[in-house]
Amino acid sequence: MTMDSVPSKPAEPADDYLERRTLRRGSAGWLLLTGLGVAYVVSGDYSGWNFGLAEGGFGGLGIAMALMGVMYACMVFSLAELSSVLPTAGGGYGFARRALGPWGGFLTGTAILIEYILAPAAISIFIGDYVESLGLFGLSSGWPVYLACFVIFIGIHLWGVGEALRFSFVVTGIAVAALLIFAVGAFMDFDASKLNDIPVEADAFGANSWLPMGLLGIWAAFPFGMWFFLGVEGVPLAAEETKDPARTLPRAIRWSMAILVVLALLTFFASSGARGANAIQDAGNPLVEALQPDGEATALSRIVNYAGLAGLVASFFSLIYAGSRQLFALSRAGYLPRFLSLTSSRKAPYLGLLVPGAIGFSLAAATGDGARMLNVAVFGATISYALMSLSHIVLRRREPGLERPYRTPGGILTSSVALVLACAALVATFLVDVTAALIALGVYVVALAYFGVYSRKHLVARAPEEEFAALAAAEAELERN
């Protein structure tokens, strides 16, 4: 069997196989999908990114953020083209399946699953911390809060995709509005001299006040620069539930990225300049810290504190959606156990929601280590970015005549930039948390063993992603003859 073929004798499922695995089509337009793209990411503006100041200082994190912004911009332009060509729920896995064969598809899909299962688990822990710090309901951070998060928000997803996306849109709107209000308040106290107030490490190569940890600090800050954009690549996973996906998905992806760039710049400069990079580099809630120079809560800091909870909820909610659709697509095509792709009467992949939810809750309750889980998620994300960018390059070269309703500006050059930066970010994860990287590799080994021994011999030829690949192989064969 070649990399681009499906099994010659796949185990054919029952005639109603795909009917029992159907999503609700036409539930989302470009506006809801743009909101979904921002929702994936918005919690990263409220916390997490600031730890990059401890790795590279203001200048180091600023350069890392700019480079990672370039990586994401190049990648989302590539994904916009791929999603217009292959508008299926498989998203990145479907693109890689067409370009790199079953192994490439599985490698990409597994990396995406690692990101979208681990990230919600980590965010549920952060939600628990917020609930405790705000004194809500008299609860302390712990497994009851994590359980409530998964039960309530998975329940909304089970209700229906349209209702889920509208809920996400409203919560995301609250979080974004609060970020804009924060920026206005913080810039009133802006002082450029505070940006580079982190002490310089004298023995670091290339160290100065803007790069206090030297040139290596730029590279070490890559994973934290990603937090301003991490997750936006999940928009194509809504393809089968979208109105006119070939036009809607590229538009939503581009608008999501544009909004996120603006929010990243406002958050980064306003936070660091209001209080000082040194004061917020280790803060669990950097925006609130930036508004409280004397440690005393203000009306604005309270608003931002509550909005931070809204941002966490928005990202948690949308990442659950993304994980369920990726699992649904891999299962429907036979890469994972097929029963995981069954859909309910409301066209929701109920096991695709419940199983990752149970895994995420168990990890959160057992470890309580949100930072480590996020680092594992980032490792998986960088692998998927490299493979998706490579897929764009391969399809441009191998199938230049493929109908492309949207074409990536710059073509292969754009996706090549994304590929190089994604590989650099992957290596950078080892500089930040070697243990997290090794955990992710361990999960990969187990998943690849399952695929190599069993599932690659039981793929479903009628699944959309497999049909696309089969048609491509047939067309190539005709051209050769």
Protein backbone atom coordinates (compact mmCIF):
# COMPACT_ATOMS: atom_id res chain seq x y z
CA MET A 1 0.00 0.00 0.00
CA THR A 2 1.40 3.40 -0.98
CA MET A 3 1.24 6.53 1.12
CA ASP A 4 -1.51 7.96 -1.09
CA SER A 5 -3.80 4.97 -1.28
CA VAL A 6 -6.57 3.58 0.83
CA PRO A 7 -6.62 -0.11 1.78
CA SER A 8 -7.43 -2.28 -1.21
CA LYS A 9 -9.99 -4.29 0.73
CA PRO A 10 -11.43 -2.06 3.44
CA ALA A 11 -14.01 -3.53 5.75
CA GLU A 12 -17.18 -2.05 4.26
CA PRO A 13 -19.56 -0.64 6.91
CA ALA A 14 -23.34 -0.89 6.80
CA ASP A 15 -25.27 1.17 4.24
CA ASP A 16 -26.46 3.63 6.89
CA TYR A 17 -22.94 4.19 8.22
CA LEU A 18 -22.60 7.82 7.11
CA GLU A 19 -26.26 8.62 7.88
CA ARG A 20 -25.56 7.84 11.52
CA ARG A 21 -22.53 10.11 11.40
CA THR A 22 -23.91 13.35 9.99
CA LEU A 23 -23.41 16.87 11.36
CA ARG A 24 -25.96 19.68 11.09
CA ARG A 25 -25.13 21.50 7.89
CA GLY A 26 -25.49 25.23 7.32
CA SER A 27 -25.50 26.13 11.01
CA ALA A 28 -22.81 28.82 10.87
CA GLY A 29 -22.01 31.81 8.70
CA TRP A 30 -18.75 33.75 8.50
CA LEU A 31 -19.56 35.97 11.51
CA LEU A 32 -20.11 33.06 13.91
CA LEU A 33 -17.01 31.35 12.57
CA THR A 34 -14.95 34.51 13.04
CA GLY A 35 -16.19 34.56 16.63
CA LEU A 36 -15.20 30.91 16.95
CA GLY A 37 -11.67 31.67 15.72
CA VAL A 38 -11.27 34.48 18.26
CA ALA A 39 -12.84 32.36 21.01
CA TYR A 40 -10.21 29.64 20.58
CA VAL A 41 -7.51 32.15 21.46
CA VAL A 42 -8.90 34.96 23.61
CA SER A 43 -8.02 33.41 26.99
CA GLY A 44 -4.36 33.62 25.94
CA ASP A 45 -4.59 37.42 26.03
CA TYR A 46 -5.61 37.32 29.67
CA SER A 47 -2.87 35.08 31.01
CA GLY A 48 0.04 32.82 30.11
CA TRP A 49 1.79 34.96 27.50
CA ASN A 50 3.48 37.06 30.20
CA PHE A 51 5.63 34.12 31.35
CA GLY A 52 7.53 34.71 28.12
CA LEU A 53 8.84 37.93 29.70
CA ALA A 54 10.75 35.75 32.16
CA GLU A 55 12.27 33.82 29.22
CA GLY A 56 13.22 36.69 26.93
CA GLY A 57 12.30 40.03 28.45
CA PHE A 58 10.11 42.58 26.67
CA GLY A 59 12.27 42.67 23.55
CA GLY A 60 12.71 38.91 23.38
CA LEU A 61 9.00 38.20 23.81
CA GLY A 62 8.14 41.01 21.42
CA ILE A 63 10.32 39.52 18.67
CA ALA A 64 8.98 36.03 19.46
CA MET A 65 5.40 37.31 19.25
CA ALA A 66 6.13 38.99 15.91
CA LEU A 67 7.71 35.85 14.46
CA MET A 68 4.92 33.64 15.73
CA GLY A 69 2.41 36.12 14.35
CA VAL A 70 4.08 35.78 10.96
CA MET A 71 3.95 31.98 11.31
CA TYR A 72 0.23 32.00 12.12
CA ALA A 73 -0.57 34.55 9.41
CA CYS A 74 1.24 32.47 6.77
CA MET A 75 -0.35 29.29 8.06
CA VAL A 76 -3.93 30.60 8.16
CA PHE A 77 -3.60 31.92 4.60
CA SER A 78 -2.49 28.41 3.62
CA LEU A 79 -5.34 26.84 5.58
CA ALA A 80 -7.81 29.22 3.94
CA GLU A 81 -6.84 27.78 0.56
CA LEU A 82 -6.88 24.18 1.77
CA SER A 83 -10.27 24.58 3.46
CA SER A 84 -11.76 25.94 0.23
CA VAL A 85 -10.48 22.84 -1.58
CA LEU A 86 -11.34 20.24 1.08
CA PRO A 87 -14.23 21.56 3.22
CA THR A 88 -14.65 18.62 5.58
CA ALA A 89 -14.79 18.22 9.37
CA GLY A 90 -11.31 16.70 9.29
CA GLY A 91 -9.66 20.09 8.94
CA GLY A 92 -5.88 19.74 9.17
CA TYR A 93 -6.07 15.95 9.19
CA GLY A 94 -8.06 16.01 5.95
CA PHE A 95 -5.54 18.32 4.28
CA ALA A 96 -2.60 16.15 5.32
CA ARG A 97 -4.46 12.97 4.31
CA ARG A 98 -4.80 14.28 0.76
CA ALA A 99 -1.21 15.52 0.55
CA LEU A 100 0.81 13.10 2.69
CA GLY A 101 -1.24 9.89 2.68
CA PRO A 102 -2.80 7.94 5.60
CA TRP A 103 0.28 8.15 7.81
CA GLY A 104 0.60 11.88 7.29
CA GLY A 105 -3.11 12.34 7.97
CA PHE A 106 -2.96 10.33 11.17
CA LEU A 107 0.17 12.11 12.40
CA THR A 108 -1.50 15.47 11.86
CA GLY A 109 -4.84 14.48 13.34
CA THR A 110 -3.18 13.01 16.43
CA ALA A 111 -1.17 16.19 16.99
CA ILE A 112 -4.34 18.27 16.73
CA LEU A 113 -6.14 15.98 19.16
CA ILE A 114 -3.31 16.32 21.69
CA GLU A 115 -3.73 20.09 21.50
CA TYR A 116 -7.52 20.12 21.72
CA ILE A 117 -7.86 17.58 24.52
CA LEU A 118 -5.07 18.92 26.74
CA ALA A 119 -5.82 22.63 26.35
CA PRO A 120 -9.42 22.47 27.71
CA ALA A 121 -8.19 20.39 30.65
CA ALA A 122 -5.62 23.08 31.46
CA ILE A 123 -8.14 25.89 31.05
CA SER A 124 -10.60 24.18 33.41
CA ILE A 125 -7.91 24.44 36.10
CA PHE A 126 -7.43 28.13 35.35
CA ILE A 127 -11.21 28.64 35.53
CA GLY A 128 -11.14 27.02 38.96
CA ASP A 129 -8.41 29.43 40.05
CA TYR A 130 -10.45 32.40 38.82
CA VAL A 131 -13.61 31.18 40.56
CA GLU A 132 -11.68 30.86 43.81
CA SER A 133 -9.92 34.22 43.52
CA LEU A 134 -13.18 36.01 42.76
CA GLY A 135 -14.97 34.27 45.63
CA LEU A 136 -17.73 33.01 43.36
CA PHE A 137 -20.29 30.66 44.91
CA GLY A 138 -17.99 30.09 47.86
CA LEU A 139 -16.08 27.49 45.84
CA SER A 140 -12.40 26.69 45.95
CA SER A 141 -10.44 25.48 42.94
CA GLY A 142 -10.69 21.70 42.64
CA TRP A 143 -12.40 18.80 40.92
CA PRO A 144 -16.01 19.99 41.56
CA VAL A 145 -15.30 23.16 39.55
CA TYR A 146 -13.58 21.19 36.77
CA LEU A 147 -16.49 18.76 36.64
CA ALA A 148 -19.02 21.59 36.49
CA CYS A 149 -17.14 23.13 33.56
CA PHE A 150 -17.17 19.95 31.52
CA VAL A 151 -20.75 18.98 32.36
CA ILE A 152 -22.31 22.38 31.71
CA PHE A 153 -20.46 23.28 28.55
CA ILE A 154 -20.52 19.83 26.98
CA GLY A 155 -24.24 19.87 27.70
CA ILE A 156 -24.63 23.04 25.63
CA HIS A 157 -22.70 21.42 22.77
CA LEU A 158 -24.97 18.38 22.93
CA TRP A 159 -27.94 20.72 22.60
CA GLY A 160 -26.83 21.72 19.12
CA VAL A 161 -24.02 23.37 17.16
CA GLY A 162 -25.99 26.52 16.32
CA GLU A 163 -26.82 27.16 19.96
CA ALA A 164 -23.24 26.37 20.99
CA LEU A 165 -21.67 28.78 18.49
CA ARG A 166 -24.07 31.58 19.45
CA PHE A 167 -23.25 31.08 23.14
CA SER A 168 -19.54 31.16 22.33
CA PHE A 169 -19.99 34.31 20.25
CA VAL A 170 -21.66 36.20 23.11
CA VAL A 171 -19.08 35.19 25.73
CA THR A 172 -16.24 35.99 23.34
CA GLY A 173 -17.74 39.42 22.67
CA ILE A 174 -17.69 40.15 26.40
CA ALA A 175 -14.05 39.10 26.70
CA VAL A 176 -12.96 41.15 23.67
CA ALA A 177 -14.85 44.25 24.82
CA ALA A 178 -13.13 44.01 28.21
CA LEU A 179 -9.72 43.76 26.54
CA LEU A 180 -10.40 46.99 24.66
CA ILE A 181 -11.56 48.71 27.85
CA PHE A 182 -8.46 47.42 29.63
CA ALA A 183 -6.19 48.81 26.92
CA VAL A 184 -7.74 52.28 27.21
CA GLY A 185 -7.29 52.28 31.00
CA ALA A 186 -3.76 50.85 30.93
CA PHE A 187 -2.49 53.24 28.26
CA MET A 188 -3.46 56.15 30.51
CA ASP A 189 -0.59 55.03 32.79
CA PHE A 190 1.76 54.00 29.97
CA ASP A 191 5.47 54.66 30.54
CA ALA A 192 7.90 53.42 27.89
CA SER A 193 10.73 53.23 30.43
CA LYS A 194 8.89 50.39 32.20
CA LEU A 195 9.00 48.12 29.15
CA ASN A 196 12.65 47.11 29.63
CA ASP A 197 12.91 47.09 33.44
CA ILE A 198 13.78 43.38 33.80
CA PRO A 199 17.35 42.95 35.18
CA VAL A 200 19.94 41.96 32.56
CA GLU A 201 21.74 38.61 32.81
CA ALA A 202 25.31 39.76 32.28
CA ASP A 203 26.61 36.38 31.07
CA ALA A 204 23.85 35.87 28.45
CA PHE A 205 25.05 36.22 24.86
CA GLY A 206 23.76 39.43 23.29
CA ALA A 207 22.11 40.60 26.51
CA ASN A 208 20.97 44.19 26.94
CA SER A 209 18.06 46.02 28.56
CA TRP A 210 15.68 45.00 25.74
CA LEU A 211 17.01 41.42 25.58
CA PRO A 212 17.88 40.75 29.25
CA MET A 213 18.25 36.99 28.64
CA GLY A 214 20.21 37.47 25.42
CA LEU A 215 19.48 36.21 21.94
CA LEU A 216 18.59 32.70 23.12
CA GLY A 217 15.76 34.26 25.12
CA ILE A 218 13.99 35.11 21.87
CA TRP A 219 13.83 31.43 20.92
CA ALA A 220 12.80 30.34 24.42
CA ALA A 221 9.91 32.83 24.26
CA PHE A 222 8.46 31.30 21.07
CA PRO A 223 5.89 29.08 22.86
CA PHE A 224 4.61 32.09 24.82
CA GLY A 225 4.43 34.26 21.72
CA MET A 226 2.17 31.54 20.33
CA TRP A 227 -0.37 32.05 23.13
CA PHE A 228 -1.67 35.17 21.41
CA PHE A 229 -2.76 33.01 18.44
CA LEU A 230 -2.87 29.38 19.60
CA GLY A 231 -6.03 27.65 18.36
CA VAL A 232 -7.12 29.90 15.48
CA GLU A 233 -6.22 27.07 13.09
CA GLY A 234 -9.30 25.21 14.36
CA VAL A 235 -11.76 27.23 12.25
CA PRO A 236 -11.72 24.73 9.30
CA LEU A 237 -13.01 22.01 11.64
CA ALA A 238 -16.45 23.62 11.29
CA ALA A 239 -16.47 23.05 7.52
CA GLU A 240 -19.35 20.56 7.38
CA GLU A 241 -21.56 22.77 9.56
CA THR A 242 -20.91 25.94 7.56
CA LYS A 243 -22.91 27.78 4.94
CA ASP A 244 -20.97 27.84 1.65
CA PRO A 245 -17.69 26.65 3.23
CA ALA A 246 -15.50 27.34 0.18
CA ARG A 247 -16.19 31.08 0.61
CA THR A 248 -17.08 31.33 4.29
CA LEU A 249 -14.08 29.55 5.83
CA PRO A 250 -11.33 31.63 4.15
CA ARG A 251 -13.15 34.83 5.08
CA ALA A 252 -13.63 33.81 8.71
CA ILE A 253 -10.02 32.63 9.08
CA ARG A 254 -8.63 35.91 7.74
CA TRP A 255 -10.88 38.08 9.92
CA SER A 256 -10.12 36.01 13.03
CA MET A 257 -6.40 36.45 12.51
CA ALA A 258 -6.72 40.20 11.90
CA ILE A 259 -8.66 40.68 15.14
CA LEU A 260 -6.19 38.56 17.11
CA VAL A 261 -3.21 40.59 15.88
CA VAL A 262 -4.82 43.82 17.07
CA LEU A 263 -5.69 42.32 20.47
CA ALA A 264 -2.18 40.90 20.88
CA LEU A 265 -0.49 44.24 20.24
CA LEU A 266 -2.84 46.15 22.54
CA THR A 267 -2.53 43.63 25.36
CA PHE A 268 1.24 43.26 25.14
CA PHE A 269 2.13 46.95 25.07
CA ALA A 270 -0.58 48.16 27.47
CA SER A 271 0.19 45.55 30.14
CA SER A 272 3.96 45.94 30.05
CA GLY A 273 3.95 49.73 29.84
CA ALA A 274 1.40 50.37 32.58
CA ARG A 275 3.02 48.42 35.41
CA GLY A 276 6.34 47.29 34.03
CA ALA A 277 7.49 44.04 32.44
CA ASN A 278 9.27 42.98 35.63
CA ALA A 279 6.12 43.31 37.74
CA ILE A 280 3.91 41.15 35.52
CA GLN A 281 6.35 38.51 34.24
CA ASP A 282 5.30 35.93 36.87
CA ALA A 283 1.71 37.11 37.46
CA GLY A 284 -1.10 34.61 37.09
CA ASN A 285 -3.38 37.49 36.13
CA PRO A 286 -1.12 40.03 34.36
CA LEU A 287 -3.85 42.38 33.15
CA VAL A 288 -5.25 42.85 36.64
CA GLU A 289 -1.73 43.31 38.01
CA ALA A 290 -1.09 45.99 35.40
CA LEU A 291 -4.10 47.96 36.64
CA GLN A 292 -3.20 47.72 40.34
CA PRO A 293 0.16 49.48 40.87
CA ASP A 294 -0.48 49.68 44.60
CA GLY A 295 -1.99 46.24 44.91
CA GLU A 296 -5.42 47.73 45.56
CA ALA A 297 -8.34 46.61 43.41
CA THR A 298 -10.03 49.27 41.29
CA ALA A 299 -13.36 49.26 39.48
CA LEU A 300 -11.57 48.67 36.18
CA SER A 301 -9.40 45.84 37.55
CA ARG A 302 -12.51 44.10 38.88
CA ILE A 303 -14.19 44.35 35.48
CA VAL A 304 -11.11 42.91 33.78
CA ASN A 305 -10.90 40.16 36.40
CA TYR A 306 -14.44 39.00 35.68
CA ALA A 307 -13.87 39.37 31.95
CA GLY A 308 -10.82 37.13 32.28
CA LEU A 309 -13.16 34.40 33.48
CA ALA A 310 -15.34 35.04 30.41
CA GLY A 311 -12.26 34.71 28.18
CA LEU A 312 -11.34 31.40 29.76
CA VAL A 313 -14.89 30.11 29.34
CA ALA A 314 -14.92 31.17 25.67
CA SER A 315 -11.68 29.34 24.90
CA PHE A 316 -12.63 26.28 26.94
CA PHE A 317 -15.99 26.06 25.21
CA SER A 318 -14.64 26.47 21.67
CA LEU A 319 -11.71 24.08 22.17
CA ILE A 320 -14.14 21.37 23.28
CA TYR A 321 -15.95 21.93 19.99
CA ALA A 322 -12.72 21.67 17.97
CA GLY A 323 -11.58 18.51 19.73
CA SER A 324 -14.93 16.80 19.20
CA ARG A 325 -14.92 17.54 15.45
CA GLN A 326 -11.36 16.32 14.98
CA LEU A 327 -12.14 13.12 16.87
CA PHE A 328 -15.38 12.74 14.89
CA ALA A 329 -13.56 12.97 11.55
CA LEU A 330 -10.77 10.57 12.50
CA SER A 331 -13.28 8.08 13.86
CA ARG A 332 -15.67 8.31 10.89
CA ALA A 333 -12.77 7.47 8.56
CA GLY A 334 -11.67 4.51 10.71
CA TYR A 335 -8.42 5.97 12.08
CA LEU A 336 -9.92 5.75 15.59
CA PRO A 337 -12.68 3.40 16.81
CA ARG A 338 -15.73 4.01 14.63
CA PHE A 339 -18.29 4.21 17.42
CA LEU A 340 -16.74 7.53 18.52
CA SER A 341 -18.22 9.27 15.46
CA LEU A 342 -21.88 8.41 16.09
CA THR A 343 -24.13 11.48 16.15
CA SER A 344 -27.31 12.14 18.14
CA SER A 345 -30.76 13.13 16.87
CA ARG A 346 -29.57 16.76 17.15
CA LYS A 347 -26.58 15.91 14.90
CA ALA A 348 -24.02 16.30 17.69
CA PRO A 349 -21.12 13.80 17.94
CA TYR A 350 -22.01 12.88 21.51
CA LEU A 351 -19.19 10.40 22.12
CA GLY A 352 -16.76 12.76 20.43
CA LEU A 353 -17.73 15.26 23.13
CA LEU A 354 -18.07 12.95 26.12
CA VAL A 355 -14.92 10.83 25.71
CA PRO A 356 -12.42 13.72 25.37
CA GLY A 357 -14.33 15.50 28.14
CA ALA A 358 -13.90 12.54 30.46
CA ILE A 359 -10.18 12.36 29.63
CA GLY A 360 -9.74 16.10 30.14
CA PHE A 361 -11.57 16.12 33.47
CA SER A 362 -9.57 13.13 34.71
CA LEU A 363 -6.27 14.80 33.83
CA ALA A 364 -7.30 18.08 35.45
CA ALA A 365 -8.53 16.41 38.64
CA ALA A 366 -5.54 14.06 38.89
CA THR A 367 -2.74 16.54 38.23
CA GLY A 368 -3.95 20.09 38.77
CA ASP A 369 -0.99 21.15 36.62
CA GLY A 370 -2.45 23.45 33.98
CA ALA A 371 0.88 24.88 32.86
CA ARG A 372 2.34 21.43 32.09
CA MET A 373 -0.75 20.40 30.13
CA LEU A 374 -0.64 23.59 28.10
CA ASN A 375 2.99 22.92 27.24
CA VAL A 376 2.03 19.44 26.04
CA ALA A 377 -0.74 21.03 23.95
CA VAL A 378 1.72 23.50 22.42
CA PHE A 379 4.04 20.64 21.46
CA GLY A 380 1.20 18.89 19.63
CA ALA A 381 0.18 22.15 17.97
CA THR A 382 3.62 22.85 16.53
CA ILE A 383 3.79 19.38 14.95
CA SER A 384 0.40 19.89 13.31
CA TYR A 385 1.44 23.34 12.03
CA ALA A 386 4.52 21.92 10.34
CA LEU A 387 2.54 19.10 8.72
CA MET A 388 -0.33 21.34 7.57
CA SER A 389 2.10 23.84 6.03
CA LEU A 390 3.92 20.97 4.31
CA SER A 391 0.57 19.71 2.99
CA HIS A 392 -0.06 23.05 1.28
CA ILE A 393 3.36 22.90 -0.38
CA VAL A 394 2.87 19.31 -1.55
CA LEU A 395 -0.61 19.93 -3.00
CA ARG A 396 0.54 23.06 -4.81
CA ARG A 397 3.38 21.12 -6.45
CA ARG A 398 1.64 17.81 -7.05
CA GLU A 399 -1.83 19.06 -8.02
CA PRO A 400 -1.39 22.52 -9.55
CA GLY A 401 -4.61 22.14 -11.54
CA LEU A 402 -6.78 21.46 -8.49
CA GLU A 403 -9.73 23.87 -8.32
CA ARG A 404 -8.93 26.46 -5.62
CA PRO A 405 -11.77 28.93 -4.91
CA TYR A 406 -9.30 30.81 -2.71
CA ARG A 407 -5.56 31.00 -3.36
CA THR A 408 -2.93 31.78 -0.72
CA PRO A 409 -1.14 35.11 -1.33
CA GLY A 410 2.50 34.28 -2.05
CA GLY A 411 1.72 30.61 -2.71
CA ILE A 412 4.39 28.12 -1.64
CA LEU A 413 6.64 30.86 -0.27
CA THR A 414 3.98 31.72 2.32
CA SER A 415 3.53 28.14 3.52
CA SER A 416 7.31 27.59 3.48
CA VAL A 417 7.76 30.45 5.94
CA ALA A 418 5.10 28.88 8.17
CA LEU A 419 6.85 25.49 7.94
CA VAL A 420 10.28 26.85 8.95
CA LEU A 421 8.90 28.85 11.88
CA ALA A 422 6.75 25.92 13.05
CA CYS A 423 9.83 23.68 13.16
CA ALA A 424 11.69 26.35 15.13
CA ALA A 425 8.78 26.61 17.58
CA LEU A 426 8.72 22.82 17.96
CA VAL A 427 12.38 22.79 19.00
CA ALA A 428 11.74 25.74 21.33
CA THR A 429 9.26 23.66 23.35
CA PHE A 430 12.22 21.59 24.58
CA LEU A 431 13.86 24.76 25.88
CA VAL A 432 10.79 25.52 28.01
CA ASP A 433 9.57 22.13 29.27
CA VAL A 434 11.41 18.95 28.27
CA THR A 435 9.06 16.79 30.35
CA ALA A 436 5.98 18.09 28.53
CA ALA A 437 7.61 17.42 25.16
CA LEU A 438 8.50 13.85 26.19
CA ILE A 439 4.95 13.23 27.44
CA ALA A 440 3.56 14.32 24.08
CA LEU A 441 6.06 12.09 22.27
CA GLY A 442 4.98 9.16 24.45
CA VAL A 443 1.33 9.70 23.50
CA TYR A 444 2.41 9.84 19.87
CA VAL A 445 4.22 6.51 20.10
CA VAL A 446 1.16 4.77 21.55
CA ALA A 447 -1.15 6.30 18.91
CA LEU A 448 1.16 5.38 16.04
CA ALA A 449 1.43 1.81 17.31
CA TYR A 450 -2.38 1.54 17.27
CA PHE A 451 -2.53 2.93 13.74
CA GLY A 452 0.29 0.80 12.41
CA VAL A 453 -0.99 -2.46 13.90
CA TYR A 454 -4.74 -2.05 13.47
CA SER A 455 -6.57 1.01 12.17
CA ARG A 456 -4.65 1.62 8.93
CA LYS A 457 -6.07 -1.73 7.75
CA HIS A 458 -9.65 -0.72 8.60
CA LEU A 459 -10.10 2.71 7.02
CA VAL A 460 -13.56 3.61 5.70
CA ALA A 461 -13.31 4.31 1.98
CA ARG A 462 -16.64 6.19 1.92
CA ALA A 463 -15.56 8.79 4.50
CA PRO A 464 -15.21 12.22 2.82
CA GLU A 465 -11.47 12.57 3.44
CA GLU A 466 -10.82 9.06 2.10
CA GLU A 467 -13.00 9.69 -0.96
CA PHE A 468 -11.05 12.84 -1.76
CA ALA A 469 -7.80 10.87 -1.56
CA ALA A 470 -9.17 8.00 -3.66
CA LEU A 471 -10.36 10.39 -6.38
CA ALA A 472 -6.95 12.04 -6.45
CA ALA A 473 -5.23 8.66 -6.80
CA ALA A 474 -7.62 7.64 -9.60
CA GLU A 475 -7.04 10.89 -11.50
CA ALA A 476 -3.29 10.47 -11.17
CA GLU A 477 -3.54 6.92 -12.50
CA LEU A 478 -5.54 8.09 -15.52
CA GLU A 479 -2.95 10.77 -16.28
CA ARG A 480 -0.16 8.18 -16.16
CA ASN A 481 -2.04 5.95 -18.60
